[in-house]
Amino acid sequence: MNINIPKVSIIVPIYNVEAYLDRCMQSLIMQTLREIEIIMVDDGSPDNCPSICDNYAKQDSRIKVIHKKNGGLGFARNSGLEIAKGKYIAFLDSDDFVDISMYEKLYNTAIQYNLDTVFCGFNQYSSYNIKSKQEVSDFTIYEGKDIKEKVLLNMIAGTPEQKEDRTLFMSVWHAIYSNKLIQKNNIRFCSEREIISEDIVFDIDYLTQAQRVAYIPDCLYYYCLNESSLSRIFRKDRNDKIITMYKNLIMKAKEFNWQNDEKLRIMRLFIGYSRNAMIDLCNSNIKFREKIKLLHQICSNDIWIEILNKYPYQKLPIAYALFTTLIKHKYCLFIYILSHLKKE
């Protein structure tokens, strides 16, 4: 392999993370895999991040910096993809960090087993706790149709009877992806300002093209629960983004000729996201009357008629089935009460 070609290009979107950026970058600079390319994408950050990026680039020749007008996380990642030279691509959020062996373990696994992608476990990290999220107990390879059946669909959502909304995490940051496959199929991120989860759209576009993917049990990524991550500030456009996501995924289902099972997964994804948005709304600092008004607006959207006429929500776990029944009948006061019980 040409030594001038990085083994992994790590794309780091950066916006207003001055307090966390050094922690993130030190975890990359110290990687045991030395042949990496670190692409810092300054997304028009208003703090000192732009100068911090430039200083890092002066210190390490492996670091490249892109300064761009603010456009959001998805488009910042796309800017990195435009210049990435690595055999594999990784995405790291700048308020998180990684184990110093992460990219060596993922890369060596990918090369040894000729894999398009390797996923690892991750850790939920806060100042008072670290909780490991191991997605598999043993190294597992998926090929062909198993990639959709056992990986992709479980990233989207579970079946109606399953206890959890999904059994595999959908975020792109705990994996490496084939740069060749990304560029060949022109796979890019949509904007999180329009859709609630740009990661799942990327994973659908990518995994429908992949031939061999694997999971390793090692928990190597540290997803940091910062104060801003824990806030219950409700964004009034969140429901619109959830609806946009649903419509986008249903269009992709038609494009890929997916049948009823796949569409039911997308419906459960919508139901789960909507339920969590309502819980956040009910536990936010908005006045009570405004909460009830917003709940009624959400429940009154025609998309619920379309989904609940097709989805067997009675098969959901009992608490989820009850919540969905309350949505169907627009029992907003009871949604409010149940949301507070759910928080506890």
Protein backbone atom coordinates (compact mmCIF):
# COMPACT_ATOMS: atom_id res chain seq x y z
CA MET A 1 0.00 0.00 0.00
CA ASN A 2 1.27 3.49 -0.87
CA ILE A 3 2.58 5.04 2.35
CA ASN A 4 1.35 8.45 1.16
CA ILE A 5 -2.25 7.24 1.32
CA PRO A 6 -3.64 7.39 4.88
CA LYS A 7 -5.14 4.20 6.21
CA VAL A 8 -7.98 6.11 7.87
CA SER A 9 -9.25 9.67 7.34
CA ILE A 10 -10.96 10.95 10.48
CA ILE A 11 -13.44 13.78 9.87
CA VAL A 12 -14.06 16.05 12.88
CA PRO A 13 -16.81 18.69 12.50
CA ILE A 14 -16.19 21.57 14.89
CA TYR A 15 -18.62 24.18 16.18
CA ASN A 16 -18.52 25.97 19.53
CA VAL A 17 -16.66 23.18 21.34
CA GLU A 18 -13.68 25.10 22.67
CA ALA A 19 -13.96 23.42 26.08
CA TYR A 20 -13.76 19.89 24.62
CA LEU A 21 -11.64 20.19 21.48
CA ASP A 22 -8.25 19.51 23.06
CA ARG A 23 -9.55 16.33 24.70
CA CYS A 24 -10.86 15.15 21.34
CA MET A 25 -7.72 16.00 19.41
CA GLN A 26 -5.32 14.48 21.92
CA SER A 27 -7.16 11.17 21.59
CA LEU A 28 -6.51 11.34 17.83
CA ILE A 29 -2.92 12.52 17.88
CA MET A 30 -2.05 9.66 20.27
CA GLN A 31 -3.65 6.97 18.09
CA THR A 32 -1.57 3.79 17.87
CA LEU A 33 -2.38 3.75 14.15
CA ARG A 34 0.00 6.45 12.95
CA GLU A 35 -0.95 6.47 9.25
CA ILE A 36 -4.07 8.57 9.68
CA GLU A 37 -5.39 11.81 8.27
CA ILE A 38 -7.25 14.13 10.64
CA ILE A 39 -9.61 16.56 8.90
CA MET A 40 -10.78 19.33 11.22
CA VAL A 41 -13.83 21.07 9.73
CA ASP A 42 -14.37 24.46 11.36
CA ASP A 43 -18.07 25.01 10.68
CA GLY A 44 -17.94 28.78 11.20
CA SER A 45 -17.37 28.35 14.93
CA PRO A 46 -17.86 31.64 16.85
CA ASP A 47 -15.37 30.84 19.64
CA ASN A 48 -11.62 30.21 19.56
CA CYS A 49 -11.96 26.89 17.70
CA PRO A 50 -10.77 28.27 14.33
CA SER A 51 -7.40 29.35 15.75
CA ILE A 52 -7.12 26.12 17.76
CA CYS A 53 -7.59 24.18 14.52
CA ASP A 54 -4.85 26.17 12.77
CA ASN A 55 -2.46 25.65 15.68
CA TYR A 56 -2.98 21.88 15.56
CA ALA A 57 -2.31 21.85 11.82
CA LYS A 58 1.03 23.61 12.41
CA GLN A 59 2.02 20.97 14.98
CA ASP A 60 1.12 17.80 13.05
CA SER A 61 1.42 17.30 9.29
CA ARG A 62 -1.36 14.69 9.40
CA ILE A 63 -3.90 17.38 10.27
CA LYS A 64 -5.83 19.30 7.60
CA VAL A 65 -8.18 22.18 8.37
CA ILE A 66 -11.25 23.34 6.47
CA HIS A 67 -12.79 26.69 7.43
CA LYS A 68 -16.32 27.06 6.10
CA LYS A 69 -19.48 29.04 6.61
CA ASN A 70 -21.76 27.49 9.23
CA GLY A 71 -23.99 24.87 7.63
CA GLY A 72 -24.49 22.20 10.29
CA LEU A 73 -23.00 18.84 11.18
CA GLY A 74 -24.07 16.90 8.09
CA PHE A 75 -22.68 19.40 5.60
CA ALA A 76 -19.47 19.77 7.63
CA ARG A 77 -18.94 16.02 7.31
CA ASN A 78 -19.57 16.30 3.58
CA SER A 79 -16.84 18.94 3.31
CA GLY A 80 -14.43 16.48 4.89
CA LEU A 81 -15.50 13.72 2.50
CA GLU A 82 -14.64 15.93 -0.46
CA ILE A 83 -10.92 15.96 0.43
CA ALA A 84 -10.47 12.70 2.40
CA LYS A 85 -7.74 10.46 0.94
CA GLY A 86 -7.84 7.53 3.38
CA LYS A 87 -8.72 3.96 2.48
CA TYR A 88 -11.33 4.17 5.25
CA ILE A 89 -13.35 7.06 6.65
CA ALA A 90 -14.21 7.71 10.29
CA PHE A 91 -16.40 10.40 11.85
CA LEU A 92 -15.69 11.81 15.31
CA ASP A 93 -17.85 14.43 17.02
CA SER A 94 -15.59 17.09 18.50
CA ASP A 95 -17.09 17.03 22.00
CA ASP A 96 -16.38 13.28 22.21
CA PHE A 97 -13.12 11.31 22.23
CA VAL A 98 -11.84 7.82 21.40
CA ASP A 99 -9.60 5.12 22.82
CA ILE A 100 -6.09 5.54 21.43
CA SER A 101 -6.27 2.04 19.90
CA MET A 102 -9.66 2.49 18.23
CA TYR A 103 -8.65 3.08 14.63
CA GLU A 104 -5.84 0.52 14.65
CA LYS A 105 -8.25 -2.17 15.86
CA LEU A 106 -10.95 -1.23 13.35
CA TYR A 107 -8.52 -0.90 10.45
CA ASN A 108 -6.64 -4.14 11.14
CA THR A 109 -9.94 -6.00 11.42
CA ALA A 110 -11.18 -4.52 8.14
CA ILE A 111 -7.98 -5.45 6.28
CA GLN A 112 -7.67 -8.94 7.78
CA TYR A 113 -11.24 -9.92 6.86
CA ASN A 114 -11.69 -7.80 3.72
CA LEU A 115 -14.52 -5.73 5.18
CA ASP A 116 -16.28 -2.64 3.91
CA THR A 117 -17.11 -1.50 7.42
CA VAL A 118 -16.32 -2.36 11.03
CA PHE A 119 -18.46 -1.18 13.95
CA CYS A 120 -17.36 -1.20 17.60
CA GLY A 121 -19.09 -0.70 20.92
CA PHE A 122 -19.05 2.64 22.71
CA ASN A 123 -19.16 4.21 26.14
CA GLN A 124 -21.63 6.76 27.47
CA TYR A 125 -19.31 9.08 29.36
CA SER A 126 -20.13 11.76 31.90
CA SER A 127 -18.30 13.42 34.77
CA TYR A 128 -19.87 10.96 37.20
CA ASN A 129 -20.25 7.71 35.23
CA ILE A 130 -19.09 5.57 32.31
CA LYS A 131 -21.59 3.09 30.89
CA SER A 132 -20.39 0.66 28.23
CA LYS A 133 -22.68 -0.21 25.30
CA GLN A 134 -21.43 -3.46 23.83
CA GLU A 135 -23.53 -4.25 20.76
CA VAL A 136 -22.16 -7.76 20.21
CA SER A 137 -20.50 -10.18 22.63
CA ASP A 138 -18.32 -11.77 19.93
CA PHE A 139 -16.71 -10.68 16.68
CA THR A 140 -19.38 -11.10 14.00
CA ILE A 141 -19.27 -10.76 10.20
CA TYR A 142 -22.36 -10.11 8.09
CA GLU A 143 -22.50 -10.66 4.33
CA GLY A 144 -25.00 -10.17 1.53
CA LYS A 145 -28.65 -10.05 2.57
CA ASP A 146 -27.71 -10.43 6.26
CA ILE A 147 -26.38 -6.88 6.17
CA LYS A 148 -29.90 -5.61 5.61
CA GLU A 149 -31.77 -8.20 7.66
CA LYS A 150 -29.50 -8.34 10.71
CA VAL A 151 -27.75 -4.96 10.71
CA LEU A 152 -29.55 -2.21 8.82
CA LEU A 153 -33.12 -3.06 9.83
CA ASN A 154 -32.08 -3.38 13.47
CA MET A 155 -30.49 0.08 13.22
CA ILE A 156 -33.74 1.50 11.90
CA ALA A 157 -36.02 -0.11 14.51
CA GLY A 158 -37.11 -3.38 16.04
CA THR A 159 -40.12 -5.46 15.12
CA PRO A 160 -43.41 -4.56 16.85
CA GLU A 161 -42.91 -7.28 19.47
CA GLN A 162 -39.35 -6.36 20.44
CA LYS A 163 -38.78 -4.73 23.81
CA GLU A 164 -36.42 -2.01 22.58
CA ASP A 165 -37.05 0.47 19.79
CA ARG A 166 -33.83 -0.74 18.16
CA THR A 167 -31.15 -3.30 18.94
CA LEU A 168 -28.24 -1.67 17.09
CA PHE A 169 -27.07 1.91 17.42
CA MET A 170 -27.31 3.92 14.19
CA SER A 171 -24.68 6.64 14.68
CA VAL A 172 -21.79 6.77 12.22
CA TRP A 173 -19.11 7.68 14.76
CA HIS A 174 -18.47 4.15 16.10
CA ALA A 175 -17.27 2.71 12.79
CA ILE A 176 -14.96 3.03 9.82
CA TYR A 177 -16.39 3.10 6.29
CA SER A 178 -14.88 2.27 2.90
CA ASN A 179 -13.95 5.54 1.20
CA LYS A 180 -14.06 3.81 -2.20
CA LEU A 181 -17.64 2.66 -1.63
CA ILE A 182 -18.67 6.15 -0.42
CA GLN A 183 -17.17 7.93 -3.40
CA LYS A 184 -18.30 5.37 -5.98
CA ASN A 185 -21.92 5.75 -4.87
CA ASN A 186 -21.67 9.47 -4.07
CA ILE A 187 -22.97 8.88 -0.54
CA ARG A 188 -23.32 12.09 1.47
CA PHE A 189 -25.10 13.39 4.55
CA CYS A 190 -28.33 15.36 4.44
CA SER A 191 -28.79 18.31 6.78
CA GLU A 192 -29.77 17.70 10.40
CA ARG A 193 -31.51 21.07 10.16
CA GLU A 194 -34.12 19.41 7.94
CA ILE A 195 -34.18 15.82 9.22
CA ILE A 196 -34.00 14.46 12.76
CA SER A 197 -31.30 11.84 12.10
CA GLU A 198 -28.88 12.35 9.23
CA ASP A 199 -26.90 9.29 10.39
CA ILE A 200 -29.60 6.72 9.64
CA VAL A 201 -30.06 8.10 6.11
CA PHE A 202 -26.30 7.80 5.53
CA ASP A 203 -26.24 4.26 6.93
CA ILE A 204 -29.15 3.20 4.71
CA ASP A 205 -27.46 4.58 1.60
CA TYR A 206 -24.16 2.98 2.57
CA LEU A 207 -25.20 -0.42 3.92
CA THR A 208 -27.44 -1.15 0.94
CA GLN A 209 -24.22 -1.04 -1.14
CA ALA A 210 -21.88 -2.85 1.29
CA GLN A 211 -20.90 -6.50 0.82
CA ARG A 212 -19.14 -7.38 4.08
CA VAL A 213 -19.47 -5.64 7.45
CA ALA A 214 -18.54 -6.66 10.97
CA TYR A 215 -18.98 -5.78 14.64
CA ILE A 216 -16.28 -6.12 17.27
CA PRO A 217 -17.24 -6.17 20.96
CA ASP A 218 -14.62 -3.61 22.08
CA CYS A 219 -16.08 -0.35 23.44
CA LEU A 220 -13.70 2.18 21.93
CA TYR A 221 -15.69 5.38 21.40
CA TYR A 222 -16.57 7.78 24.24
CA TYR A 223 -19.90 9.50 23.67
CA CYS A 224 -19.88 12.38 26.12
CA LEU A 225 -23.03 13.45 27.92
CA ASN A 226 -22.19 17.11 28.37
CA GLU A 227 -24.55 19.54 30.08
CA SER A 228 -25.93 20.64 26.73
CA SER A 229 -26.58 17.00 25.79
CA LEU A 230 -28.68 16.52 28.91
CA SER A 231 -30.81 19.65 28.57
CA ARG A 232 -34.54 19.37 28.18
CA ILE A 233 -34.89 22.44 25.97
CA PHE A 234 -37.62 21.53 23.51
CA ARG A 235 -37.11 22.52 19.88
CA LYS A 236 -40.45 23.31 18.30
CA ASP A 237 -39.25 22.23 14.85
CA ARG A 238 -38.35 18.75 16.08
CA ASN A 239 -41.65 17.19 15.07
CA ASP A 240 -41.33 18.58 11.55
CA LYS A 241 -37.86 17.01 11.29
CA ILE A 242 -39.23 13.65 12.44
CA ILE A 243 -41.95 13.79 9.78
CA THR A 244 -39.38 14.75 7.12
CA MET A 245 -37.24 11.80 8.17
CA TYR A 246 -40.19 9.41 7.93
CA LYS A 247 -41.16 10.60 4.45
CA ASN A 248 -37.53 10.41 3.32
CA LEU A 249 -37.17 6.82 4.53
CA ILE A 250 -40.46 5.72 3.00
CA MET A 251 -39.23 7.10 -0.34
CA LYS A 252 -36.02 5.10 0.07
CA ALA A 253 -38.09 2.00 0.87
CA LYS A 254 -39.85 2.41 -2.47
CA GLU A 255 -36.51 3.02 -4.21
CA PHE A 256 -35.08 -0.22 -2.79
CA ASN A 257 -38.35 -2.11 -3.34
CA TRP A 258 -38.65 -2.82 0.38
CA GLN A 259 -41.78 -4.64 1.48
CA ASN A 260 -44.06 -4.58 4.52
CA ASP A 261 -41.53 -5.66 7.18
CA GLU A 262 -39.07 -2.95 6.25
CA LYS A 263 -41.82 -0.31 6.18
CA LEU A 264 -43.01 -1.41 9.63
CA ARG A 265 -39.47 -0.78 10.92
CA ILE A 266 -39.61 2.76 9.55
CA MET A 267 -43.01 3.29 11.18
CA ARG A 268 -41.69 2.12 14.54
CA LEU A 269 -38.75 4.51 14.13
CA PHE A 270 -41.22 7.35 13.62
CA ILE A 271 -43.37 6.27 16.58
CA GLY A 272 -40.32 6.00 18.86
CA TYR A 273 -38.86 9.35 17.85
CA SER A 274 -42.25 11.03 18.24
CA ARG A 275 -42.80 9.48 21.67
CA ASN A 276 -39.41 10.66 22.89
CA ALA A 277 -40.02 14.14 21.49
CA MET A 278 -43.31 14.32 23.41
CA ILE A 279 -41.60 13.18 26.61
CA ASP A 280 -38.97 15.90 26.14
CA LEU A 281 -41.70 18.44 25.49
CA CYS A 282 -43.60 17.47 28.64
CA ASN A 283 -40.44 17.71 30.74
CA SER A 284 -39.27 21.01 29.23
CA ASN A 285 -39.59 24.49 30.75
CA ILE A 286 -42.50 25.46 28.48
CA LYS A 287 -45.71 26.49 30.28
CA PHE A 288 -48.26 23.74 30.86
CA ARG A 289 -50.95 25.15 28.55
CA GLU A 290 -48.42 25.53 25.74
CA LYS A 291 -47.33 21.91 26.25
CA ILE A 292 -50.89 20.63 25.92
CA LYS A 293 -51.42 22.80 22.84
CA LEU A 294 -48.26 21.49 21.18
CA LEU A 295 -49.12 17.90 22.08
CA HIS A 296 -52.51 18.29 20.44
CA GLN A 297 -50.89 19.71 17.31
CA ILE A 298 -48.50 16.77 17.09
CA CYS A 299 -51.23 14.17 17.64
CA SER A 300 -53.50 15.86 15.10
CA ASN A 301 -51.10 15.51 12.19
CA ASP A 302 -52.61 13.36 9.44
CA ILE A 303 -49.48 11.22 9.35
CA TRP A 304 -50.68 9.46 12.51
CA ILE A 305 -53.84 8.32 10.70
CA GLU A 306 -51.71 6.92 7.90
CA ILE A 307 -49.33 5.09 10.24
CA LEU A 308 -51.70 3.79 12.92
CA ASN A 309 -54.06 2.37 10.30
CA LYS A 310 -51.18 0.16 9.14
CA TYR A 311 -48.96 -0.38 12.16
CA PRO A 312 -49.89 -3.08 14.74
CA TYR A 313 -49.07 -0.82 17.69
CA GLN A 314 -51.01 -3.11 20.05
CA LYS A 315 -48.06 -5.55 19.76
CA LEU A 316 -45.60 -3.02 21.14
CA PRO A 317 -44.35 -3.40 24.74
CA ILE A 318 -47.21 -2.41 27.02
CA ALA A 319 -45.94 1.06 27.99
CA TYR A 320 -45.22 1.93 24.34
CA ALA A 321 -48.57 0.53 23.21
CA LEU A 322 -50.35 2.61 25.85
CA PHE A 323 -48.48 5.76 24.84
CA THR A 324 -49.33 5.17 21.17
CA THR A 325 -53.00 4.57 22.02
CA LEU A 326 -53.07 7.92 23.84
CA ILE A 327 -51.59 9.57 20.75
CA LYS A 328 -54.21 7.96 18.51
CA HIS A 329 -57.07 9.29 20.65
CA LYS A 330 -55.35 12.65 21.34
CA TYR A 331 -55.50 12.18 25.12
CA CYS A 332 -52.95 14.90 25.68
CA LEU A 333 -53.36 15.27 29.44
CA PHE A 334 -52.71 11.55 29.91
CA ILE A 335 -49.68 11.80 27.58
CA TYR A 336 -48.40 14.56 29.84
CA ILE A 337 -48.88 12.43 32.97
CA LEU A 338 -47.33 9.33 31.41
CA SER A 339 -44.37 11.37 30.17
CA HIS A 340 -43.55 12.41 33.71
CA LEU A 341 -43.84 8.82 34.91
CA LYS A 342 -41.60 7.74 32.02
CA LYS A 343 -38.98 10.32 33.07
CA GLU A 344 -38.87 8.85 36.55
